[in-house]
Amino acid sequence: MYTLYIHCIYIVSPSCIRVKNFQASRHYSYREVAQAHNLSALLSLLMEYFHSEVSEEELKRERERARKLRDSQWWKQKRSKGVCHYCRKDFPPRTLTMDHLVPLARGGKSTKGNVVPACKECNTKKKQMLPIEWDEYLEMLKGQ
């Protein structure tokens, strides 16, 4: 076990907090930060942010952006590796789906930093969970 003295916290993306300490900089997951420093209040605030209402108009706009992104060379290249972001299993690239790390219904955007290739099974099971909720779900399954 180690002690990390936090100097600054930056939200890098919905699935990552960058913590700068007095000795070095490193990327930590929400879970690592919460476990190391009992920052459950911070997690609660972040979770509230992602529970905001999303209008139908905004959902429609983001779905259209997702369609354009899905047709892009960037996405085809990302999917061509044939690996599911979540289970890390190999799949034929065409069978992988586009999953939003932060779901559109939870305020996520159709941007390169928020979409990953996922197998149909993982994408279906993840539904509208945030990265931290999905991680907790996977940990719960391991414990069973």
N, C-alpha and C. Protein backbone atom coordinates (compact mmCIF):
# COMPACT_ATOMS: atom_id res chain seq x y z
N MET A 1 0.84 -1.18 0.00
CA MET A 1 0.00 0.00 0.00
C MET A 1 0.88 1.24 0.00
N TYR A 2 0.40 2.28 -0.62
CA TYR A 2 1.17 3.51 -0.71
C TYR A 2 0.28 4.69 -0.40
N THR A 3 0.88 5.79 -0.09
CA THR A 3 0.14 7.03 0.15
C THR A 3 0.40 7.98 -0.99
N LEU A 4 -0.64 8.53 -1.53
CA LEU A 4 -0.53 9.49 -2.62
C LEU A 4 -1.11 10.81 -2.14
N TYR A 5 -0.33 11.84 -2.17
CA TYR A 5 -0.79 13.16 -1.76
C TYR A 5 -1.27 13.91 -2.99
N ILE A 6 -2.54 14.20 -3.04
CA ILE A 6 -3.12 14.85 -4.21
C ILE A 6 -2.84 16.34 -4.18
N HIS A 7 -2.39 16.82 -5.31
CA HIS A 7 -2.14 18.25 -5.48
C HIS A 7 -3.25 18.85 -6.33
N CYS A 8 -3.59 18.21 -7.43
CA CYS A 8 -4.64 18.67 -8.34
C CYS A 8 -5.37 17.48 -8.92
N ILE A 9 -6.63 17.66 -9.21
CA ILE A 9 -7.43 16.64 -9.89
C ILE A 9 -7.98 17.28 -11.16
N TYR A 10 -7.78 16.62 -12.29
CA TYR A 10 -8.32 17.08 -13.56
C TYR A 10 -9.21 15.98 -14.12
N ILE A 11 -10.36 16.34 -14.63
CA ILE A 11 -11.19 15.37 -15.32
C ILE A 11 -10.72 15.36 -16.77
N VAL A 12 -10.09 14.26 -17.17
CA VAL A 12 -9.55 14.14 -18.52
C VAL A 12 -10.65 13.70 -19.47
N SER A 13 -11.42 12.74 -19.05
CA SER A 13 -12.54 12.23 -19.84
C SER A 13 -13.50 11.59 -18.85
N PRO A 14 -14.69 11.20 -19.32
CA PRO A 14 -15.64 10.59 -18.39
C PRO A 14 -15.13 9.34 -17.71
N SER A 15 -14.13 8.67 -18.28
CA SER A 15 -13.64 7.43 -17.68
C SER A 15 -12.26 7.59 -17.03
N CYS A 16 -11.76 8.80 -16.96
CA CYS A 16 -10.40 8.97 -16.44
C CYS A 16 -10.24 10.29 -15.71
N ILE A 17 -9.64 10.24 -14.56
CA ILE A 17 -9.27 11.43 -13.81
C ILE A 17 -7.75 11.49 -13.81
N ARG A 18 -7.20 12.65 -14.07
CA ARG A 18 -5.74 12.78 -14.00
C ARG A 18 -5.42 13.40 -12.65
N VAL A 19 -4.61 12.71 -11.90
CA VAL A 19 -4.22 13.16 -10.58
C VAL A 19 -2.77 13.57 -10.62
N LYS A 20 -2.49 14.79 -10.21
CA LYS A 20 -1.11 15.26 -10.11
C LYS A 20 -0.75 15.26 -8.64
N ASN A 21 0.32 14.57 -8.29
CA ASN A 21 0.73 14.57 -6.89
C ASN A 21 2.04 15.31 -6.74
N PHE A 22 2.57 15.29 -5.56
CA PHE A 22 3.79 16.04 -5.30
C PHE A 22 5.04 15.35 -5.86
N GLN A 23 4.92 14.08 -6.22
CA GLN A 23 6.08 13.35 -6.70
C GLN A 23 6.05 13.08 -8.20
N ALA A 24 4.88 12.82 -8.75
CA ALA A 24 4.80 12.47 -10.17
C ALA A 24 3.37 12.64 -10.66
N SER A 25 3.19 12.51 -11.95
CA SER A 25 1.86 12.52 -12.56
C SER A 25 1.58 11.14 -13.13
N ARG A 26 0.37 10.71 -12.98
CA ARG A 26 -0.03 9.42 -13.53
C ARG A 26 -1.53 9.45 -13.74
N HIS A 27 -2.05 8.64 -14.65
CA HIS A 27 -3.49 8.53 -14.83
C HIS A 27 -4.02 7.44 -13.90
N TYR A 28 -5.08 7.76 -13.21
CA TYR A 28 -5.73 6.81 -12.31
C TYR A 28 -7.18 6.66 -12.74
N SER A 29 -7.74 5.50 -12.56
CA SER A 29 -9.16 5.33 -12.83
C SER A 29 -9.94 5.92 -11.66
N TYR A 30 -11.23 6.14 -11.87
CA TYR A 30 -12.06 6.64 -10.78
C TYR A 30 -11.93 5.72 -9.56
N ARG A 31 -11.97 4.40 -9.82
CA ARG A 31 -11.93 3.44 -8.72
C ARG A 31 -10.62 3.57 -7.95
N GLU A 32 -9.49 3.69 -8.65
CA GLU A 32 -8.20 3.82 -7.96
C GLU A 32 -8.18 5.06 -7.07
N VAL A 33 -8.67 6.16 -7.60
CA VAL A 33 -8.67 7.40 -6.82
C VAL A 33 -9.58 7.26 -5.61
N ALA A 34 -10.77 6.71 -5.83
CA ALA A 34 -11.72 6.57 -4.72
C ALA A 34 -11.19 5.63 -3.65
N GLN A 35 -10.59 4.51 -4.06
CA GLN A 35 -10.08 3.56 -3.09
C GLN A 35 -8.88 4.12 -2.34
N ALA A 36 -8.02 4.81 -3.07
CA ALA A 36 -6.81 5.32 -2.44
C ALA A 36 -7.10 6.49 -1.51
N HIS A 37 -8.14 7.22 -1.77
CA HIS A 37 -8.36 8.46 -1.02
C HIS A 37 -9.77 8.63 -0.48
N ASN A 38 -10.59 7.62 -0.61
CA ASN A 38 -11.95 7.70 -0.11
C ASN A 38 -12.65 8.94 -0.64
N LEU A 39 -12.61 9.14 -1.94
CA LEU A 39 -13.22 10.31 -2.56
C LEU A 39 -14.62 9.99 -3.08
N SER A 40 -15.39 9.31 -2.27
CA SER A 40 -16.73 8.94 -2.71
C SER A 40 -17.59 10.16 -3.00
N ALA A 41 -17.33 11.27 -2.32
CA ALA A 41 -18.09 12.50 -2.58
C ALA A 41 -17.82 12.99 -4.00
N LEU A 42 -16.56 12.90 -4.43
CA LEU A 42 -16.22 13.30 -5.80
C LEU A 42 -16.94 12.41 -6.80
N LEU A 43 -16.94 11.12 -6.54
CA LEU A 43 -17.62 10.19 -7.44
C LEU A 43 -19.11 10.48 -7.50
N SER A 44 -19.69 10.81 -6.35
CA SER A 44 -21.12 11.13 -6.32
C SER A 44 -21.43 12.35 -7.19
N LEU A 45 -20.58 13.36 -7.08
CA LEU A 45 -20.77 14.56 -7.90
C LEU A 45 -20.66 14.23 -9.38
N LEU A 46 -19.66 13.43 -9.73
CA LEU A 46 -19.49 13.07 -11.13
C LEU A 46 -20.67 12.24 -11.64
N MET A 47 -21.16 11.34 -10.80
CA MET A 47 -22.29 10.50 -11.19
C MET A 47 -23.54 11.37 -11.40
N GLU A 48 -23.74 12.37 -10.54
CA GLU A 48 -24.88 13.27 -10.70
C GLU A 48 -24.80 13.99 -12.04
N TYR A 49 -23.59 14.40 -12.41
CA TYR A 49 -23.39 15.09 -13.68
C TYR A 49 -23.86 14.22 -14.84
N PHE A 50 -23.59 12.93 -14.78
CA PHE A 50 -23.94 12.03 -15.87
C PHE A 50 -25.37 11.49 -15.78
N HIS A 51 -26.14 11.96 -14.82
CA HIS A 51 -27.54 11.57 -14.73
C HIS A 51 -28.45 12.69 -15.23
N SER A 52 -27.89 13.66 -15.91
CA SER A 52 -28.68 14.79 -16.39
C SER A 52 -29.61 14.36 -17.53
N GLU A 53 -30.67 15.12 -17.69
CA GLU A 53 -31.64 14.85 -18.75
C GLU A 53 -31.05 15.22 -20.10
N VAL A 54 -31.30 14.39 -21.10
CA VAL A 54 -30.84 14.65 -22.46
C VAL A 54 -32.08 14.77 -23.34
N SER A 55 -32.17 15.85 -24.08
CA SER A 55 -33.35 16.09 -24.92
C SER A 55 -33.35 15.15 -26.13
N GLU A 56 -34.54 14.92 -26.67
CA GLU A 56 -34.68 14.09 -27.87
C GLU A 56 -33.90 14.70 -29.03
N GLU A 57 -33.93 16.03 -29.11
CA GLU A 57 -33.20 16.73 -30.18
C GLU A 57 -31.70 16.47 -30.08
N GLU A 58 -31.19 16.53 -28.86
CA GLU A 58 -29.76 16.28 -28.65
C GLU A 58 -29.40 14.82 -28.97
N LEU A 59 -30.26 13.89 -28.54
CA LEU A 59 -30.03 12.47 -28.86
C LEU A 59 -30.00 12.24 -30.37
N LYS A 60 -30.95 12.85 -31.07
CA LYS A 60 -31.02 12.70 -32.52
C LYS A 60 -29.74 13.24 -33.17
N ARG A 61 -29.29 14.40 -32.70
CA ARG A 61 -28.07 15.01 -33.26
C ARG A 61 -26.85 14.12 -33.01
N GLU A 62 -26.73 13.57 -31.80
CA GLU A 62 -25.58 12.73 -31.48
C GLU A 62 -25.63 11.39 -32.22
N ARG A 63 -26.83 10.85 -32.43
CA ARG A 63 -26.95 9.61 -33.20
C ARG A 63 -26.51 9.83 -34.65
N GLU A 64 -26.85 10.99 -35.19
CA GLU A 64 -26.41 11.33 -36.56
C GLU A 64 -24.89 11.45 -36.61
N ARG A 65 -24.30 12.07 -35.61
CA ARG A 65 -22.83 12.17 -35.54
C ARG A 65 -22.21 10.78 -35.44
N ALA A 66 -22.85 9.89 -34.68
CA ALA A 66 -22.35 8.52 -34.54
C ALA A 66 -22.38 7.80 -35.89
N ARG A 67 -23.45 8.01 -36.67
CA ARG A 67 -23.53 7.39 -38.00
C ARG A 67 -22.39 7.86 -38.89
N LYS A 68 -22.12 9.16 -38.85
CA LYS A 68 -21.02 9.71 -39.66
C LYS A 68 -19.68 9.16 -39.19
N LEU A 69 -19.50 9.08 -37.89
CA LEU A 69 -18.25 8.55 -37.33
C LEU A 69 -18.07 7.08 -37.71
N ARG A 70 -19.18 6.33 -37.69
CA ARG A 70 -19.14 4.90 -38.05
C ARG A 70 -18.70 4.70 -39.50
N ASP A 71 -19.01 5.66 -40.35
CA ASP A 71 -18.63 5.57 -41.77
C ASP A 71 -17.22 6.08 -42.03
N SER A 72 -16.57 6.63 -41.02
CA SER A 72 -15.26 7.25 -41.22
C SER A 72 -14.14 6.21 -41.32
N GLN A 73 -13.06 6.60 -41.96
CA GLN A 73 -11.88 5.75 -42.07
C GLN A 73 -11.29 5.49 -40.68
N TRP A 74 -11.37 6.49 -39.82
CA TRP A 74 -10.85 6.36 -38.45
C TRP A 74 -11.52 5.18 -37.74
N TRP A 75 -12.85 5.10 -37.83
CA TRP A 75 -13.57 4.02 -37.15
C TRP A 75 -13.24 2.66 -37.78
N LYS A 76 -13.18 2.63 -39.09
CA LYS A 76 -12.86 1.37 -39.77
C LYS A 76 -11.48 0.86 -39.34
N GLN A 77 -10.55 1.78 -39.18
CA GLN A 77 -9.20 1.41 -38.72
C GLN A 77 -9.25 0.91 -37.27
N LYS A 78 -9.99 1.61 -36.42
CA LYS A 78 -10.09 1.22 -35.01
C LYS A 78 -10.73 -0.16 -34.87
N ARG A 79 -11.77 -0.41 -35.64
CA ARG A 79 -12.49 -1.68 -35.59
C ARG A 79 -11.69 -2.81 -36.23
N SER A 80 -10.79 -2.47 -37.16
CA SER A 80 -10.06 -3.48 -37.92
C SER A 80 -9.17 -4.37 -37.05
N LYS A 81 -8.85 -3.92 -35.86
CA LYS A 81 -8.03 -4.73 -34.95
C LYS A 81 -8.79 -5.97 -34.49
N GLY A 82 -10.13 -5.89 -34.52
CA GLY A 82 -10.95 -7.04 -34.21
C GLY A 82 -10.98 -7.44 -32.74
N VAL A 83 -10.76 -6.46 -31.84
CA VAL A 83 -10.72 -6.76 -30.41
C VAL A 83 -11.79 -5.94 -29.69
N CYS A 84 -12.60 -6.62 -28.88
CA CYS A 84 -13.60 -5.94 -28.06
C CYS A 84 -12.90 -5.15 -26.96
N HIS A 85 -13.28 -3.90 -26.80
CA HIS A 85 -12.69 -3.03 -25.78
C HIS A 85 -12.89 -3.58 -24.36
N TYR A 86 -14.00 -4.27 -24.13
CA TYR A 86 -14.35 -4.71 -22.78
C TYR A 86 -13.82 -6.10 -22.43
N CYS A 87 -14.16 -7.10 -23.23
CA CYS A 87 -13.76 -8.48 -22.89
C CYS A 87 -12.40 -8.85 -23.48
N ARG A 88 -11.89 -8.03 -24.38
CA ARG A 88 -10.58 -8.23 -25.01
C ARG A 88 -10.51 -9.48 -25.89
N LYS A 89 -11.65 -10.05 -26.24
CA LYS A 89 -11.67 -11.22 -27.12
C LYS A 89 -11.58 -10.75 -28.57
N ASP A 90 -11.08 -11.66 -29.43
CA ASP A 90 -10.98 -11.37 -30.86
C ASP A 90 -12.30 -11.70 -31.55
N PHE A 91 -12.68 -10.85 -32.50
CA PHE A 91 -13.90 -11.01 -33.28
C PHE A 91 -13.62 -10.59 -34.72
N PRO A 92 -14.41 -11.09 -35.66
CA PRO A 92 -14.30 -10.53 -37.01
C PRO A 92 -14.64 -9.03 -36.92
N PRO A 93 -13.82 -8.16 -37.46
CA PRO A 93 -14.03 -6.71 -37.31
C PRO A 93 -15.44 -6.23 -37.64
N ARG A 94 -16.05 -6.79 -38.67
CA ARG A 94 -17.40 -6.33 -39.06
C ARG A 94 -18.47 -6.63 -38.02
N THR A 95 -18.19 -7.57 -37.11
CA THR A 95 -19.20 -7.91 -36.09
C THR A 95 -19.12 -6.99 -34.88
N LEU A 96 -18.05 -6.21 -34.75
CA LEU A 96 -17.92 -5.31 -33.61
C LEU A 96 -18.83 -4.10 -33.78
N THR A 97 -19.45 -3.68 -32.69
CA THR A 97 -20.35 -2.54 -32.70
C THR A 97 -19.66 -1.32 -32.10
N MET A 98 -20.23 -0.15 -32.34
CA MET A 98 -19.72 1.08 -31.75
C MET A 98 -20.43 1.31 -30.42
N ASP A 99 -19.66 1.36 -29.35
CA ASP A 99 -20.24 1.63 -28.04
C ASP A 99 -19.73 2.97 -27.54
N HIS A 100 -20.63 3.73 -26.94
CA HIS A 100 -20.26 5.00 -26.31
C HIS A 100 -19.86 4.70 -24.86
N LEU A 101 -18.63 5.05 -24.48
CA LEU A 101 -18.19 4.84 -23.10
C LEU A 101 -19.18 5.51 -22.14
N VAL A 102 -19.44 6.78 -22.37
CA VAL A 102 -20.51 7.48 -21.66
C VAL A 102 -21.69 7.48 -22.63
N PRO A 103 -22.74 6.72 -22.33
CA PRO A 103 -23.87 6.58 -23.25
C PRO A 103 -24.51 7.92 -23.60
N LEU A 104 -25.07 7.99 -24.80
CA LEU A 104 -25.73 9.21 -25.24
C LEU A 104 -26.84 9.60 -24.27
N ALA A 105 -27.58 8.62 -23.79
CA ALA A 105 -28.68 8.90 -22.87
C ALA A 105 -28.20 9.46 -21.53
N ARG A 106 -26.91 9.33 -21.25
CA ARG A 106 -26.33 9.85 -20.00
C ARG A 106 -25.50 11.11 -20.25
N GLY A 107 -25.67 11.70 -21.43
CA GLY A 107 -24.97 12.95 -21.73
C GLY A 107 -23.69 12.78 -22.53
N GLY A 108 -23.37 11.55 -22.95
CA GLY A 108 -22.17 11.31 -23.74
C GLY A 108 -22.29 11.88 -25.14
N LYS A 109 -21.17 12.04 -25.79
CA LYS A 109 -21.12 12.60 -27.14
C LYS A 109 -20.55 11.57 -28.11
N SER A 110 -20.86 11.76 -29.37
CA SER A 110 -20.33 10.89 -30.43
C SER A 110 -19.02 11.48 -30.92
N THR A 111 -17.98 11.27 -30.12
CA THR A 111 -16.65 11.77 -30.45
C THR A 111 -15.67 10.60 -30.42
N LYS A 112 -14.51 10.80 -31.04
CA LYS A 112 -13.51 9.74 -31.09
C LYS A 112 -13.08 9.30 -29.69
N GLY A 113 -13.07 10.19 -28.75
CA GLY A 113 -12.65 9.85 -27.39
C GLY A 113 -13.71 9.14 -26.58
N ASN A 114 -14.93 9.04 -27.10
CA ASN A 114 -16.01 8.44 -26.33
C ASN A 114 -16.59 7.18 -26.98
N VAL A 115 -16.01 6.72 -28.08
CA VAL A 115 -16.52 5.49 -28.71
C VAL A 115 -15.44 4.43 -28.79
N VAL A 116 -15.86 3.19 -28.60
CA VAL A 116 -14.93 2.05 -28.64
C VAL A 116 -15.61 0.89 -29.36
N PRO A 117 -14.81 0.00 -29.97
CA PRO A 117 -15.39 -1.20 -30.57
C PRO A 117 -15.76 -2.20 -29.46
N ALA A 118 -16.95 -2.74 -29.56
CA ALA A 118 -17.41 -3.71 -28.55
C ALA A 118 -18.14 -4.85 -29.24
N CYS A 119 -17.98 -6.05 -28.69
CA CYS A 119 -18.75 -7.17 -29.23
C CYS A 119 -20.21 -6.95 -28.86
N LYS A 120 -21.10 -7.61 -29.57
CA LYS A 120 -22.53 -7.42 -29.32
C LYS A 120 -22.91 -7.80 -27.90
N GLU A 121 -22.30 -8.87 -27.39
CA GLU A 121 -22.64 -9.32 -26.03
C GLU A 121 -22.28 -8.26 -24.99
N CYS A 122 -21.07 -7.74 -25.05
CA CYS A 122 -20.65 -6.71 -24.08
C CYS A 122 -21.48 -5.44 -24.23
N ASN A 123 -21.71 -5.03 -25.47
CA ASN A 123 -22.47 -3.81 -25.71
C ASN A 123 -23.89 -3.95 -25.16
N THR A 124 -24.49 -5.11 -25.36
CA THR A 124 -25.84 -5.36 -24.87
C THR A 124 -25.87 -5.38 -23.34
N LYS A 125 -24.89 -6.02 -22.71
CA LYS A 125 -24.86 -6.10 -21.25
C LYS A 125 -24.56 -4.74 -20.61
N LYS A 126 -23.72 -3.95 -21.26
CA LYS A 126 -23.34 -2.65 -20.69
C LYS A 126 -24.54 -1.69 -20.68
N LYS A 127 -25.37 -1.77 -21.66
CA LYS A 127 -26.55 -0.91 -21.78
C LYS A 127 -26.17 0.56 -21.63
N GLN A 128 -26.71 1.22 -20.61
CA GLN A 128 -26.46 2.65 -20.42
C GLN A 128 -25.59 2.91 -19.19
N MET A 129 -24.74 1.95 -18.86
CA MET A 129 -23.86 2.12 -17.70
C MET A 129 -22.68 3.03 -18.04
N LEU A 130 -22.24 3.76 -17.03
CA LEU A 130 -21.01 4.54 -17.13
C LEU A 130 -19.83 3.61 -16.92
N PRO A 131 -18.63 4.03 -17.29
CA PRO A 131 -17.46 3.15 -17.10
C PRO A 131 -17.31 2.62 -15.68
N ILE A 132 -17.52 3.45 -14.68
CA ILE A 132 -17.35 2.98 -13.30
C ILE A 132 -18.44 1.98 -12.93
N GLU A 133 -19.66 2.18 -13.43
CA GLU A 133 -20.74 1.24 -13.15
C GLU A 133 -20.47 -0.11 -13.83
N TRP A 134 -19.96 -0.05 -15.05
CA TRP A 134 -19.62 -1.27 -15.79
C TRP A 134 -18.51 -2.02 -15.07
N ASP A 135 -17.47 -1.31 -14.60
CA ASP A 135 -16.38 -1.94 -13.86
C ASP A 135 -16.91 -2.63 -12.61
N GLU A 136 -17.82 -1.96 -11.90
CA GLU A 136 -18.40 -2.56 -10.69
C GLU A 136 -19.20 -3.80 -11.04
N TYR A 137 -19.92 -3.76 -12.15
CA TYR A 137 -20.70 -4.91 -12.61
C TYR A 137 -19.78 -6.09 -12.90
N LEU A 138 -18.68 -5.84 -13.60
CA LEU A 138 -17.73 -6.91 -13.92
C LEU A 138 -17.10 -7.49 -12.65
N GLU A 139 -16.77 -6.62 -11.69
CA GLU A 139 -16.21 -7.09 -10.42
C GLU A 139 -17.21 -7.96 -9.67
N MET A 140 -18.48 -7.57 -9.71
CA MET A 140 -19.53 -8.35 -9.05
C MET A 140 -19.62 -9.74 -9.69
N LEU A 141 -19.54 -9.81 -11.02
CA LEU A 141 -19.60 -11.10 -11.71
C LEU A 141 -18.43 -11.99 -11.34
N LYS A 142 -17.25 -11.40 -11.19
CA LYS A 142 -16.06 -12.17 -10.80
C LYS A 142 -16.24 -12.79 -9.42
N GLY A 143 -16.94 -12.08 -8.54
CA GLY A 143 -17.14 -12.55 -7.18
C GLY A 143 -18.16 -13.67 -7.06
N GLN A 144 -18.94 -13.90 -8.10
CA GLN A 144 -19.98 -14.94 -8.04
C GLN A 144 -19.44 -16.29 -8.41
